[in-house]
PDB file of N, CA and C in Angstrom:
ATOM      1  N   MET A   1      47.168  70.692 -19.875  1.00  0.00           N
ATOM      2  CA  MET A   1      47.019  71.702 -20.908  1.00  0.00           C
ATOM      3  C   MET A   1      48.080  72.784 -20.694  1.00  0.00           C
ATOM      4  N   THR A   2      48.759  73.184 -21.774  1.00  0.00           N
ATOM      5  CA  THR A   2      49.836  74.167 -21.703  1.00  0.00           C
ATOM      6  C   THR A   2      49.367  75.463 -21.058  1.00  0.00           C
ATOM      7  N   TYR A   3      50.251  76.046 -20.270  1.00  0.00           N
ATOM      8  CA  TYR A   3      49.986  77.282 -19.540  1.00  0.00           C
ATOM      9  C   TYR A   3      51.031  78.293 -19.976  1.00  0.00           C
ATOM     10  N   VAL A   4      50.638  79.553 -20.161  1.00  0.00           N
ATOM     11  CA  VAL A   4      51.524  80.564 -20.728  1.00  0.00           C
ATOM     12  C   VAL A   4      51.512  81.821 -19.870  1.00  0.00           C
ATOM     13  N   ASP A   5      52.705  82.338 -19.558  1.00  0.00           N
ATOM     14  CA  ASP A   5      52.852  83.656 -18.950  1.00  0.00           C
ATOM     15  C   ASP A   5      53.175  84.622 -20.075  1.00  0.00           C
ATOM     16  N   GLY A   6      52.439  85.738 -20.165  1.00  0.00           N
ATOM     17  CA  GLY A   6      52.695  86.742 -21.187  1.00  0.00           C
ATOM     18  C   GLY A   6      53.102  88.061 -20.555  1.00  0.00           C
ATOM     19  N   PHE A   7      54.024  88.767 -21.212  1.00  0.00           N
ATOM     20  CA  PHE A   7      54.553  90.027 -20.693  1.00  0.00           C
ATOM     21  C   PHE A   7      54.663  91.049 -21.821  1.00  0.00           C
ATOM     22  N   VAL A   8      54.345  92.303 -21.528  1.00  0.00           N
ATOM     23  CA  VAL A   8      54.568  93.413 -22.446  1.00  0.00           C
ATOM     24  C   VAL A   8      55.174  94.529 -21.607  1.00  0.00           C
ATOM     25  N   ALA A   9      56.246  95.140 -22.118  1.00  0.00           N
ATOM     26  CA  ALA A   9      56.920  96.215 -21.383  1.00  0.00           C
ATOM     27  C   ALA A   9      57.476  97.234 -22.367  1.00  0.00           C
ATOM     28  N   ALA A  10      57.715  98.440 -21.864  1.00  0.00           N
ATOM     29  CA  ALA A  10      58.392  99.490 -22.626  1.00  0.00           C
ATOM     30  C   ALA A  10      59.823  99.569 -22.110  1.00  0.00           C
ATOM     31  N   VAL A  11      60.777  99.377 -22.998  1.00  0.00           N
ATOM     32  CA  VAL A  11      62.194  99.361 -22.627  1.00  0.00           C
ATOM     33  C   VAL A  11      62.896 100.525 -23.313  1.00  0.00           C
ATOM     34  N   PRO A  12      63.691 101.302 -22.571  1.00  0.00           N
ATOM     35  CA  PRO A  12      64.463 102.348 -23.253  1.00  0.00           C
ATOM     36  C   PRO A  12      65.245 101.726 -24.410  1.00  0.00           C
ATOM     37  N   THR A  13      65.094 102.299 -25.582  1.00  0.00           N
ATOM     38  CA  THR A  13      65.710 101.743 -26.779  1.00  0.00           C
ATOM     39  C   THR A  13      67.221 101.592 -26.612  1.00  0.00           C
ATOM     40  N   THR A  14      67.840 102.498 -25.892  1.00  0.00           N
ATOM     41  CA  THR A  14      69.289 102.415 -25.665  1.00  0.00           C
ATOM     42  C   THR A  14      69.660 101.237 -24.766  1.00  0.00           C
ATOM     43  N   ASN A  15      68.680 100.632 -24.098  1.00  0.00           N
ATOM     44  CA  ASN A  15      68.923  99.498 -23.193  1.00  0.00           C
ATOM     45  C   ASN A  15      68.701  98.145 -23.866  1.00  0.00           C
ATOM     46  N   ARG A  16      68.656  98.119 -25.190  1.00  0.00           N
ATOM     47  CA  ARG A  16      68.362  96.856 -25.878  1.00  0.00           C
ATOM     48  C   ARG A  16      69.331  95.741 -25.466  1.00  0.00           C
ATOM     49  N   ASP A  17      70.623  96.013 -25.474  1.00  0.00           N
ATOM     50  CA  ASP A  17      71.593  94.981 -25.106  1.00  0.00           C
ATOM     51  C   ASP A  17      71.462  94.588 -23.644  1.00  0.00           C
ATOM     52  N   ARG A  18      71.248  95.566 -22.769  1.00  0.00           N
ATOM     53  CA  ARG A  18      71.043  95.258 -21.346  1.00  0.00           C
ATOM     54  C   ARG A  18      69.785  94.419 -21.161  1.00  0.00           C
ATOM     55  N   TYR A  19      68.727  94.757 -21.907  1.00  0.00           N
ATOM     56  CA  TYR A  19      67.494  93.977 -21.814  1.00  0.00           C
ATOM     57  C   TYR A  19      67.734  92.542 -22.275  1.00  0.00           C
ATOM     58  N   ARG A  20      68.457  92.384 -23.372  1.00  0.00           N
ATOM     59  CA  ARG A  20      68.736  91.034 -23.873  1.00  0.00           C
ATOM     60  C   ARG A  20      69.478  90.215 -22.812  1.00  0.00           C
ATOM     61  N   GLU A  21      70.471  90.800 -22.171  1.00  0.00           N
ATOM     62  CA  GLU A  21      71.204  90.104 -21.102  1.00  0.00           C
ATOM     63  C   GLU A  21      70.264  89.746 -19.951  1.00  0.00           C
ATOM     64  N   HIS A  22      69.440  90.704 -19.543  1.00  0.00           N
ATOM     65  CA  HIS A  22      68.464  90.468 -18.467  1.00  0.00           C
ATOM     66  C   HIS A  22      67.544  89.306 -18.855  1.00  0.00           C
ATOM     67  N   ALA A  23      67.033  89.337 -20.081  1.00  0.00           N
ATOM     68  CA  ALA A  23      66.105  88.307 -20.550  1.00  0.00           C
ATOM     69  C   ALA A  23      66.778  86.939 -20.633  1.00  0.00           C
ATOM     70  N   GLN A  24      68.032  86.904 -21.076  1.00  0.00           N
ATOM     71  CA  GLN A  24      68.740  85.626 -21.166  1.00  0.00           C
ATOM     72  C   GLN A  24      68.958  85.021 -19.777  1.00  0.00           C
ATOM     73  N   GLN A  25      69.296  85.864 -18.803  1.00  0.00           N
ATOM     74  CA  GLN A  25      69.465  85.351 -17.439  1.00  0.00           C
ATOM     75  C   GLN A  25      68.145  84.824 -16.890  1.00  0.00           C
ATOM     76  N   ALA A  26      67.072  85.579 -17.102  1.00  0.00           N
ATOM     77  CA  ALA A  26      65.760  85.133 -16.627  1.00  0.00           C
ATOM     78  C   ALA A  26      65.342  83.846 -17.334  1.00  0.00           C
ATOM     79  N   ALA A  27      65.599  83.761 -18.643  1.00  0.00           N
ATOM     80  CA  ALA A  27      65.219  82.571 -19.406  1.00  0.00           C
ATOM     81  C   ALA A  27      65.914  81.326 -18.873  1.00  0.00           C
ATOM     82  N   GLN A  28      67.178  81.461 -18.500  1.00  0.00           N
ATOM     83  CA  GLN A  28      67.896  80.321 -17.932  1.00  0.00           C
ATOM     84  C   GLN A  28      67.207  79.822 -16.662  1.00  0.00           C
ATOM     85  N   LEU A  29      66.757  80.769 -15.829  1.00  0.00           N
ATOM     86  CA  LEU A  29      66.062  80.370 -14.602  1.00  0.00           C
ATOM     87  C   LEU A  29      64.717  79.722 -14.917  1.00  0.00           C
ATOM     88  N   PHE A  30      63.950  80.332 -15.825  1.00  0.00           N
ATOM     89  CA  PHE A  30      62.666  79.747 -16.194  1.00  0.00           C
ATOM     90  C   PHE A  30      62.858  78.307 -16.672  1.00  0.00           C
ATOM     91  N   LYS A  31      63.842  78.097 -17.538  1.00  0.00           N
ATOM     92  CA  LYS A  31      64.095  76.758 -18.065  1.00  0.00           C
ATOM     93  C   LYS A  31      64.562  75.803 -16.958  1.00  0.00           C
ATOM     94  N   GLU A  32      65.411  76.308 -16.080  1.00  0.00           N
ATOM     95  CA  GLU A  32      65.882  75.481 -14.962  1.00  0.00           C
ATOM     96  C   GLU A  32      64.712  75.014 -14.101  1.00  0.00           C
ATOM     97  N   TYR A  33      63.711  75.860 -13.944  1.00  0.00           N
ATOM     98  CA  TYR A  33      62.564  75.522 -13.112  1.00  0.00           C
ATOM     99  C   TYR A  33      61.424  74.867 -13.891  1.00  0.00           C
ATOM    100  N   GLY A  34      61.676  74.503 -15.143  1.00  0.00           N
ATOM    101  CA  GLY A  34      60.706  73.677 -15.851  1.00  0.00           C
ATOM    102  C   GLY A  34      59.973  74.305 -17.018  1.00  0.00           C
ATOM    103  N   ALA A  35      60.282  75.546 -17.379  1.00  0.00           N
ATOM    104  CA  ALA A  35      59.612  76.145 -18.531  1.00  0.00           C
ATOM    105  C   ALA A  35      59.928  75.336 -19.784  1.00  0.00           C
ATOM    106  N   LEU A  36      58.933  75.189 -20.634  1.00  0.00           N
ATOM    107  CA  LEU A  36      59.129  74.481 -21.896  1.00  0.00           C
ATOM    108  C   LEU A  36      59.828  75.375 -22.911  1.00  0.00           C
ATOM    109  N   SER A  37      59.502  76.664 -22.895  1.00  0.00           N
ATOM    110  CA  SER A  37      60.136  77.613 -23.805  1.00  0.00           C
ATOM    111  C   SER A  37      60.007  79.019 -23.254  1.00  0.00           C
ATOM    112  N   VAL A  38      60.913  79.874 -23.702  1.00  0.00           N
ATOM    113  CA  VAL A  38      60.901  81.294 -23.350  1.00  0.00           C
ATOM    114  C   VAL A  38      61.154  82.059 -24.644  1.00  0.00           C
ATOM    115  N   VAL A  39      60.297  83.013 -24.955  1.00  0.00           N
ATOM    116  CA  VAL A  39      60.429  83.802 -26.179  1.00  0.00           C
ATOM    117  C   VAL A  39      60.432  85.280 -25.810  1.00  0.00           C
ATOM    118  N   GLU A  40      61.409  86.010 -26.320  1.00  0.00           N
ATOM    119  CA  GLU A  40      61.523  87.454 -26.117  1.00  0.00           C
ATOM    120  C   GLU A  40      61.526  88.126 -27.477  1.00  0.00           C
ATOM    121  N   CYS A  41      60.686  89.143 -27.661  1.00  0.00           N
ATOM    122  CA  CYS A  41      60.569  89.821 -28.950  1.00  0.00           C
ATOM    123  C   CYS A  41      60.724  91.324 -28.766  1.00  0.00           C
ATOM    124  N   TRP A  42      61.580  91.931 -29.583  1.00  0.00           N
ATOM    125  CA  TRP A  42      61.829  93.368 -29.577  1.00  0.00           C
ATOM    126  C   TRP A  42      60.930  93.996 -30.638  1.00  0.00           C
ATOM    127  N   GLY A  43      60.169  95.000 -30.274  1.00  0.00           N
ATOM    128  CA  GLY A  43      59.216  95.624 -31.185  1.00  0.00           C
ATOM    129  C   GLY A  43      59.832  96.085 -32.492  1.00  0.00           C
ATOM    130  N   ALA A  44      59.191  95.741 -33.602  1.00  0.00           N
ATOM    131  CA  ALA A  44      59.661  96.138 -34.927  1.00  0.00           C
ATOM    132  C   ALA A  44      58.606  96.966 -35.650  1.00  0.00           C
ATOM    133  N   ASP A  45      57.343  96.589 -35.494  1.00  0.00           N
ATOM    134  CA  ASP A  45      56.238  97.299 -36.144  1.00  0.00           C
ATOM    135  C   ASP A  45      55.063  97.253 -35.175  1.00  0.00           C
ATOM    136  N   VAL A  46      55.091  98.143 -34.200  1.00  0.00           N
ATOM    137  CA  VAL A  46      54.094  98.156 -33.128  1.00  0.00           C
ATOM    138  C   VAL A  46      53.384  99.516 -33.166  1.00  0.00           C
ATOM    139  N   PRO A  47      52.278  99.596 -33.900  1.00  0.00           N
ATOM    140  CA  PRO A  47      51.633 100.892 -34.097  1.00  0.00           C
ATOM    141  C   PRO A  47      50.987 101.452 -32.831  1.00  0.00           C
ATOM    142  N   GLN A  48      50.995 102.759 -32.770  1.00  0.00           N
ATOM    143  CA  GLN A  48      50.302 103.486 -31.696  1.00  0.00           C
ATOM    144  C   GLN A  48      48.824 103.488 -32.048  1.00  0.00           C
ATOM    145  N   GLY A  49      47.964 103.112 -31.143  1.00  0.00           N
ATOM    146  CA  GLY A  49      46.536 103.072 -31.420  1.00  0.00           C
ATOM    147  C   GLY A  49      45.838 104.371 -31.066  1.00  0.00           C
ATOM    148  N   LYS A  50      44.553 104.417 -31.361  1.00  0.00           N
ATOM    149  CA  LYS A  50      43.738 105.570 -30.979  1.00  0.00           C
ATOM    150  C   LYS A  50      42.970 105.283 -29.706  1.00  0.00           C
ATOM    151  N   LEU A  51      42.544 104.030 -29.538  1.00  0.00           N
ATOM    152  CA  LEU A  51      41.830 103.626 -28.328  1.00  0.00           C
ATOM    153  C   LEU A  51      42.676 102.714 -27.458  1.00  0.00           C
ATOM    154  N   THR A  52      43.280 101.702 -28.103  1.00  0.00           N
ATOM    155  CA  THR A  52      44.132 100.756 -27.373  1.00  0.00           C
ATOM    156  C   THR A  52      45.302 100.360 -28.259  1.00  0.00           C
ATOM    157  N   SER A  53      46.384  99.952 -27.638  1.00  0.00           N
ATOM    158  CA  SER A  53      47.549  99.452 -28.358  1.00  0.00           C
ATOM    159  C   SER A  53      48.571  98.986 -27.342  1.00  0.00           C
ATOM    160  N   PHE A  54      49.553  98.239 -27.811  1.00  0.00           N
ATOM    161  CA  PHE A  54      50.646  97.853 -26.924  1.00  0.00           C
ATOM    162  C   PHE A  54      51.361  99.092 -26.374  1.00  0.00           C
ATOM    163  N   PRO A  55      51.726 100.064 -27.223  1.00  0.00           N
ATOM    164  CA  PRO A  55      52.411 101.247 -26.669  1.00  0.00           C
ATOM    165  C   PRO A  55      51.576 101.976 -25.617  1.00  0.00           C
ATOM    166  N   MET A  56      50.290 102.091 -25.853  1.00  0.00           N
ATOM    167  CA  MET A  56      49.431 102.771 -24.882  1.00  0.00           C
ATOM    168  C   MET A  56      49.352 101.984 -23.577  1.00  0.00           C
ATOM    169  N   ALA A  57      49.271 100.674 -23.682  1.00  0.00           N
ATOM    170  CA  ALA A  57      49.106  99.827 -22.500  1.00  0.00           C
ATOM    171  C   ALA A  57      50.275  99.969 -21.528  1.00  0.00           C
ATOM    172  N   VAL A  58      51.485 100.176 -22.080  1.00  0.00           N
ATOM    173  CA  VAL A  58      52.675 100.270 -21.221  1.00  0.00           C
ATOM    174  C   VAL A  58      53.220 101.696 -21.141  1.00  0.00           C
ATOM    175  N   GLN A  59      52.426 102.653 -21.636  1.00  0.00           N
ATOM    176  CA  GLN A  59      52.810 104.073 -21.608  1.00  0.00           C
ATOM    177  C   GLN A  59      54.188 104.279 -22.236  1.00  0.00           C
ATOM    178  N   CYS A  60      54.365 103.687 -23.402  1.00  0.00           N
ATOM    179  CA  CYS A  60      55.645 103.738 -24.110  1.00  0.00           C
ATOM    180  C   CYS A  60      55.972 105.176 -24.509  1.00  0.00           C
ATOM    181  N   LYS A  61      57.195 105.589 -24.200  1.00  0.00           N
ATOM    182  CA  LYS A  61      57.666 106.932 -24.534  1.00  0.00           C
ATOM    183  C   LYS A  61      58.402 106.903 -25.868  1.00  0.00           C
ATOM    184  N   GLU A  62      58.683 108.091 -26.416  1.00  0.00           N
ATOM    185  CA  GLU A  62      59.350 108.224 -27.720  1.00  0.00           C
ATOM    186  C   GLU A  62      60.678 107.475 -27.783  1.00  0.00           C
ATOM    187  N   ASP A  63      61.390 107.442 -26.670  1.00  0.00           N
ATOM    188  CA  ASP A  63      62.720 106.821 -26.657  1.00  0.00           C
ATOM    189  C   ASP A  63      62.694 105.385 -26.146  1.00  0.00           C
ATOM    190  N   GLU A  64      61.533 104.748 -26.212  1.00  0.00           N
ATOM    191  CA  GLU A  64      61.373 103.371 -25.733  1.00  0.00           C
ATOM    192  C   GLU A  64      60.837 102.482 -26.850  1.00  0.00           C
ATOM    193  N   THR A  65      61.045 101.186 -26.681  1.00  0.00           N
ATOM    194  CA  THR A  65      60.552 100.175 -27.613  1.00  0.00           C
ATOM    195  C   THR A  65      59.727  99.163 -26.827  1.00  0.00           C
ATOM    196  N   VAL A  66      58.625  98.726 -27.414  1.00  0.00           N
ATOM    197  CA  VAL A  66      57.780  97.724 -26.772  1.00  0.00           C
ATOM    198  C   VAL A  66      58.409  96.344 -26.958  1.00  0.00           C
ATOM    199  N   VAL A  67      58.468  95.574 -25.868  1.00  0.00           N
ATOM    200  CA  VAL A  67      58.878  94.174 -25.951  1.00  0.00           C
ATOM    201  C   VAL A  67      57.677  93.302 -25.595  1.00  0.00           C
ATOM    202  N   PHE A  68      57.640  92.158 -26.208  1.00  0.00           N
ATOM    203  CA  PHE A  68      56.551  91.203 -26.025  1.00  0.00           C
ATOM    204  C   PHE A  68      57.200  89.856 -25.782  1.00  0.00           C
ATOM    205  N   SER A  69      56.825  89.202 -24.703  1.00  0.00           N
ATOM    206  CA  SER A  69      57.471  87.929 -24.393  1.00  0.00           C
ATOM    207  C   SER A  69      56.486  86.970 -23.755  1.00  0.00           C
ATOM    208  N   TRP A  70      56.849  85.693 -23.822  1.00  0.00           N
ATOM    209  CA  TRP A  70      56.018  84.692 -23.178  1.00  0.00           C
ATOM    210  C   TRP A  70      56.858  83.496 -22.758  1.00  0.00           C
ATOM    211  N   VAL A  71      56.351  82.821 -21.745  1.00  0.00           N
ATOM    212  CA  VAL A  71      56.985  81.620 -21.198  1.00  0.00           C
ATOM    213  C   VAL A  71      55.920  80.533 -21.204  1.00  0.00           C
ATOM    214  N   THR A  72      56.248  79.368 -21.739  1.00  0.00           N
ATOM    215  CA  THR A  72      55.279  78.274 -21.745  1.00  0.00           C
ATOM    216  C   THR A  72      55.664  77.226 -20.704  1.00  0.00           C
ATOM    217  N   TRP A  73      54.642  76.675 -20.098  1.00  0.00           N
ATOM    218  CA  TRP A  73      54.773  75.650 -19.059  1.00  0.00           C
ATOM    219  C   TRP A  73      53.909  74.456 -19.452  1.00  0.00           C
ATOM    220  N   ALA A  74      54.225  73.297 -18.936  1.00  0.00           N
ATOM    221  CA  ALA A  74      53.453  72.088 -19.247  1.00  0.00           C
ATOM    222  C   ALA A  74      51.990  72.243 -18.827  1.00  0.00           C
ATOM    223  N   ASP A  75      51.782  72.863 -17.668  1.00  0.00           N
ATOM    224  CA  ASP A  75      50.430  73.063 -17.152  1.00  0.00           C
ATOM    225  C   ASP A  75      50.493  74.064 -16.000  1.00  0.00           C
ATOM    226  N   LYS A  76      49.352  74.409 -15.455  1.00  0.00           N
ATOM    227  CA  LYS A  76      49.295  75.397 -14.380  1.00  0.00           C
ATOM    228  C   LYS A  76      50.032  74.923 -13.129  1.00  0.00           C
ATOM    229  N   ALA A  77      49.963  73.648 -12.835  1.00  0.00           N
ATOM    230  CA  ALA A  77      50.657  73.124 -11.652  1.00  0.00           C
ATOM    231  C   ALA A  77      52.168  73.317 -11.777  1.00  0.00           C
ATOM    232  N   ALA A  78      52.721  73.025 -12.953  1.00  0.00           N
ATOM    233  CA  ALA A  78      54.158  73.224 -13.175  1.00  0.00           C
ATOM    234  C   ALA A  78      54.512  74.698 -13.044  1.00  0.00           C
ATOM    235  N   HIS A  79      53.675  75.559 -13.574  1.00  0.00           N
ATOM    236  CA  HIS A  79      53.860  77.014 -13.472  1.00  0.00           C
ATOM    237  C   HIS A  79      53.872  77.457 -12.021  1.00  0.00           C
ATOM    238  N   ASP A  80      52.849  77.055 -11.287  1.00  0.00           N
ATOM    239  CA  ASP A  80      52.726  77.489  -9.893  1.00  0.00           C
ATOM    240  C   ASP A  80      53.898  76.996  -9.043  1.00  0.00           C
ATOM    241  N   GLU A  81      54.308  75.767  -9.240  1.00  0.00           N
ATOM    242  CA  GLU A  81      55.435  75.210  -8.492  1.00  0.00           C
ATOM    243  C   GLU A  81      56.724  75.963  -8.820  1.00  0.00           C
ATOM    244  N   ALA A  82      56.938  76.233 -10.108  1.00  0.00           N
ATOM    245  CA  ALA A  82      58.154  76.940 -10.521  1.00  0.00           C
ATOM    246  C   ALA A  82      58.187  78.360  -9.967  1.00  0.00           C
ATOM    247  N   TRP A  83      57.079  79.079 -10.076  1.00  0.00           N
ATOM    248  CA  TRP A  83      57.062  80.462  -9.589  1.00  0.00           C
ATOM    249  C   TRP A  83      57.286  80.530  -8.086  1.00  0.00           C
ATOM    250  N   ALA A  84      56.736  79.598  -7.334  1.00  0.00           N
ATOM    251  CA  ALA A  84      56.962  79.575  -5.882  1.00  0.00           C
ATOM    252  C   ALA A  84      58.450  79.437  -5.573  1.00  0.00           C
ATOM    253  N   LYS A  85      59.136  78.583  -6.316  1.00  0.00           N
ATOM    254  CA  LYS A  85      60.573  78.387  -6.114  1.00  0.00           C
ATOM    255  C   LYS A  85      61.373  79.589  -6.614  1.00  0.00           C
ATOM    256  N   MET A  86      61.008  80.124  -7.767  1.00  0.00           N
ATOM    257  CA  MET A  86      61.756  81.247  -8.334  1.00  0.00           C
ATOM    258  C   MET A  86      61.667  82.495  -7.461  1.00  0.00           C
ATOM    259  N   MET A  87      60.541  82.712  -6.832  1.00  0.00           N
ATOM    260  CA  MET A  87      60.394  83.900  -5.992  1.00  0.00           C
ATOM    261  C   MET A  87      61.313  83.839  -4.764  1.00  0.00           C
ATOM    262  N   LYS A  88      61.773  82.645  -4.418  1.00  0.00           N
ATOM    263  CA  LYS A  88      62.707  82.475  -3.308  1.00  0.00           C
ATOM    264  C   LYS A  88      64.157  82.432  -3.769  1.00  0.00           C
ATOM    265  N   ASP A  89      64.368  82.343  -5.058  1.00  0.00           N
ATOM    266  CA  ASP A  89      65.711  82.209  -5.616  1.00  0.00           C
ATOM    267  C   ASP A  89      66.369  83.592  -5.685  1.00  0.00           C
ATOM    268  N   PRO A  90      67.508  83.781  -5.026  1.00  0.00           N
ATOM    269  CA  PRO A  90      68.156  85.099  -5.027  1.00  0.00           C
ATOM    270  C   PRO A  90      68.582  85.566  -6.421  1.00  0.00           C
ATOM    271  N   ARG A  91      68.706  84.652  -7.376  1.00  0.00           N
ATOM    272  CA  ARG A  91      69.066  85.055  -8.746  1.00  0.00           C
ATOM    273  C   ARG A  91      67.945  85.821  -9.436  1.00  0.00           C
ATOM    274  N   MET A  92      66.741  85.732  -8.891  1.00  0.00           N
ATOM    275  CA  MET A  92      65.604  86.471  -9.462  1.00  0.00           C
ATOM    276  C   MET A  92      65.513  87.886  -8.903  1.00  0.00           C
ATOM    277  N   GLY A  93      66.249  88.179  -7.863  1.00  0.00           N
ATOM    278  CA  GLY A  93      66.167  89.482  -7.219  1.00  0.00           C
ATOM    279  C   GLY A  93      66.768  90.596  -8.050  1.00  0.00           C
ATOM    280  N   PRO A  94      66.364  91.822  -7.769  1.00  0.00           N
ATOM    281  CA  PRO A  94      66.869  92.972  -8.527  1.00  0.00           C
ATOM    282  C   PRO A  94      68.372  93.196  -8.364  1.00  0.00           C
ATOM    283  N   GLU A  95      68.955  92.706  -7.278  1.00  0.00           N
ATOM    284  CA  GLU A  95      70.400  92.860  -7.099  1.00  0.00           C
ATOM    285  C   GLU A  95      71.152  91.972  -8.093  1.00  0.00           C
ATOM    286  N   ALA A  96      70.644  90.784  -8.332  1.00  0.00           N
ATOM    287  CA  ALA A  96      71.309  89.825  -9.214  1.00  0.00           C
ATOM    288  C   ALA A  96      71.022  90.098 -10.691  1.00  0.00           C
ATOM    289  N   ASN A  97      69.820  90.569 -10.995  1.00  0.00           N
ATOM    290  CA  ASN A  97      69.421  90.771 -12.386  1.00  0.00           C
ATOM    291  C   ASN A  97      68.472  91.963 -12.473  1.00  0.00           C
ATOM    292  N   PRO A  98      69.007  93.185 -12.330  1.00  0.00           N
ATOM    293  CA  PRO A  98      68.141  94.371 -12.326  1.00  0.00           C
ATOM    294  C   PRO A  98      67.414  94.555 -13.658  1.00  0.00           C
ATOM    295  N   MET A  99      66.162  94.993 -13.573  1.00  0.00           N
ATOM    296  CA  MET A  99      65.371  95.228 -14.777  1.00  0.00           C
ATOM    297  C   MET A  99      65.836  96.527 -15.433  1.00  0.00           C
ATOM    298  N   PRO A 100      66.179  96.483 -16.723  1.00  0.00           N
ATOM    299  CA  PRO A 100      66.615  97.696 -17.417  1.00  0.00           C
ATOM    300  C   PRO A 100      65.439  98.473 -18.012  1.00  0.00           C
ATOM    301  N   PHE A 101      64.323  98.479 -17.292  1.00  0.00           N
ATOM    302  CA  PHE A 101      63.111  99.179 -17.728  1.00  0.00           C
ATOM    303  C   PHE A 101      62.258  99.438 -16.499  1.00  0.00           C
ATOM    304  N   ASP A 102      61.195 100.219 -16.664  1.00  0.00           N
ATOM    305  CA  ASP A 102      60.287 100.552 -15.567  1.00  0.00           C
ATOM    306  C   ASP A 102      59.281  99.419 -15.381  1.00  0.00           C
ATOM    307  N   GLY A 103      59.527  98.585 -14.390  1.00  0.00           N
ATOM    308  CA  GLY A 103      58.665  97.435 -14.136  1.00  0.00           C
ATOM    309  C   GLY A 103      57.242  97.789 -13.747  1.00  0.00           C
ATOM    310  N   LYS A 104      57.015  99.016 -13.293  1.00  0.00           N
ATOM    311  CA  LYS A 104      55.656  99.429 -12.916  1.00  0.00           C
ATOM    312  C   LYS A 104      54.748  99.556 -14.136  1.00  0.00           C
ATOM    313  N   ARG A 105      55.345  99.705 -15.323  1.00  0.00           N
ATOM    314  CA  ARG A 105      54.537  99.830 -16.537  1.00  0.00           C
ATOM    315  C   ARG A 105      54.449  98.530 -17.319  1.00  0.00           C
ATOM    316  N   MET A 106      55.053  97.474 -16.821  1.00  0.00           N
ATOM    317  CA  MET A 106      54.958  96.178 -17.478  1.00  0.00           C
ATOM    318  C   MET A 106      53.571  95.590 -17.209  1.00  0.00           C
ATOM    319  N   ILE A 107      52.993  94.975 -18.222  1.00  0.00           N
ATOM    320  CA  ILE A 107      51.745  94.240 -18.004  1.00  0.00           C
ATOM    321  C   ILE A 107      52.043  92.764 -18.191  1.00  0.00           C
ATOM    322  N   TYR A 108      51.359  91.934 -17.454  1.00  0.00           N
ATOM    323  CA  TYR A 108      51.612  90.501 -17.531  1.00  0.00           C
ATOM    324  C   TYR A 108      50.369  89.751 -17.085  1.00  0.00           C
ATOM    325  N   GLY A 109      50.324  88.517 -17.445  1.00  0.00           N
ATOM    326  CA  GLY A 109      49.230  87.656 -17.040  1.00  0.00           C
ATOM    327  C   GLY A 109      49.554  86.226 -17.408  1.00  0.00           C
ATOM    328  N   SER A 110      48.778  85.313 -16.872  1.00  0.00           N
ATOM    329  CA  SER A 110      48.942  83.888 -17.159  1.00  0.00           C
ATOM    330  C   SER A 110      47.693  83.395 -17.859  1.00  0.00           C
ATOM    331  N   PHE A 111      47.899  82.522 -18.837  1.00  0.00           N
ATOM    332  CA  PHE A 111      46.809  82.103 -19.723  1.00  0.00           C
ATOM    333  C   PHE A 111      46.849  80.609 -19.944  1.00  0.00           C
ATOM    334  N   GLN A 112      45.682  80.016 -20.081  1.00  0.00           N
ATOM    335  CA  GLN A 112      45.577  78.608 -20.429  1.00  0.00           C
ATOM    336  C   GLN A 112      45.420  78.521 -21.949  1.00  0.00           C
ATOM    337  N   GLN A 113      46.309  77.793 -22.591  1.00  0.00           N
ATOM    338  CA  GLN A 113      46.272  77.674 -24.048  1.00  0.00           C
ATOM    339  C   GLN A 113      45.037  76.883 -24.462  1.00  0.00           C
ATOM    340  N   ILE A 114      44.329  77.404 -25.470  1.00  0.00           N
ATOM    341  CA  ILE A 114      43.146  76.699 -25.952  1.00  0.00           C
ATOM    342  C   ILE A 114      43.252  76.294 -27.418  1.00  0.00           C
ATOM    343  N   VAL A 115      44.178  76.897 -28.171  1.00  0.00           N
ATOM    344  CA  VAL A 115      44.381  76.529 -29.575  1.00  0.00           C
ATOM    345  C   VAL A 115      45.870  76.601 -29.884  1.00  0.00           C
ATOM    346  N   GLN A 116      46.366  75.634 -30.625  1.00  0.00           N
ATOM    347  CA  GLN A 116      47.719  75.690 -31.194  1.00  0.00           C
ATOM    348  C   GLN A 116      47.624  75.064 -32.563  1.00  0.00           C
ATOM    349  N   ALA A 117      48.093  75.749 -33.562  1.00  0.00           N
ATOM    350  CA  ALA A 117      47.986  75.240 -34.942  1.00  0.00           C
ATOM    351  C   ALA A 117      49.371  75.066 -35.529  1.00  0.00           C
TER     352      ALA A 117
END
């Protein structure tokens, strides 16, 4: 059953091009290690909520844009094997591909797909 890593982050709007480069480098690694697909989305219409919202979840500031991304894997075993290898790969380190955003405010999780239409 397909397994999905999901990510939401607040990126300084002026860092859009840097973020795209960062995401493209990461996507190449994900694919090299077996990801089926990698999708990166730049916020276009992401409303601020009153109780909850994407901007609230990542403490998005006025000069930042919310990004939403996901990586799909064949199954949890493929995911776990790939992540174990990627965490040892120096190309994943901040020296090789520094994050152009505050990683402490990124939210992420892994999910088992239950519906696809």
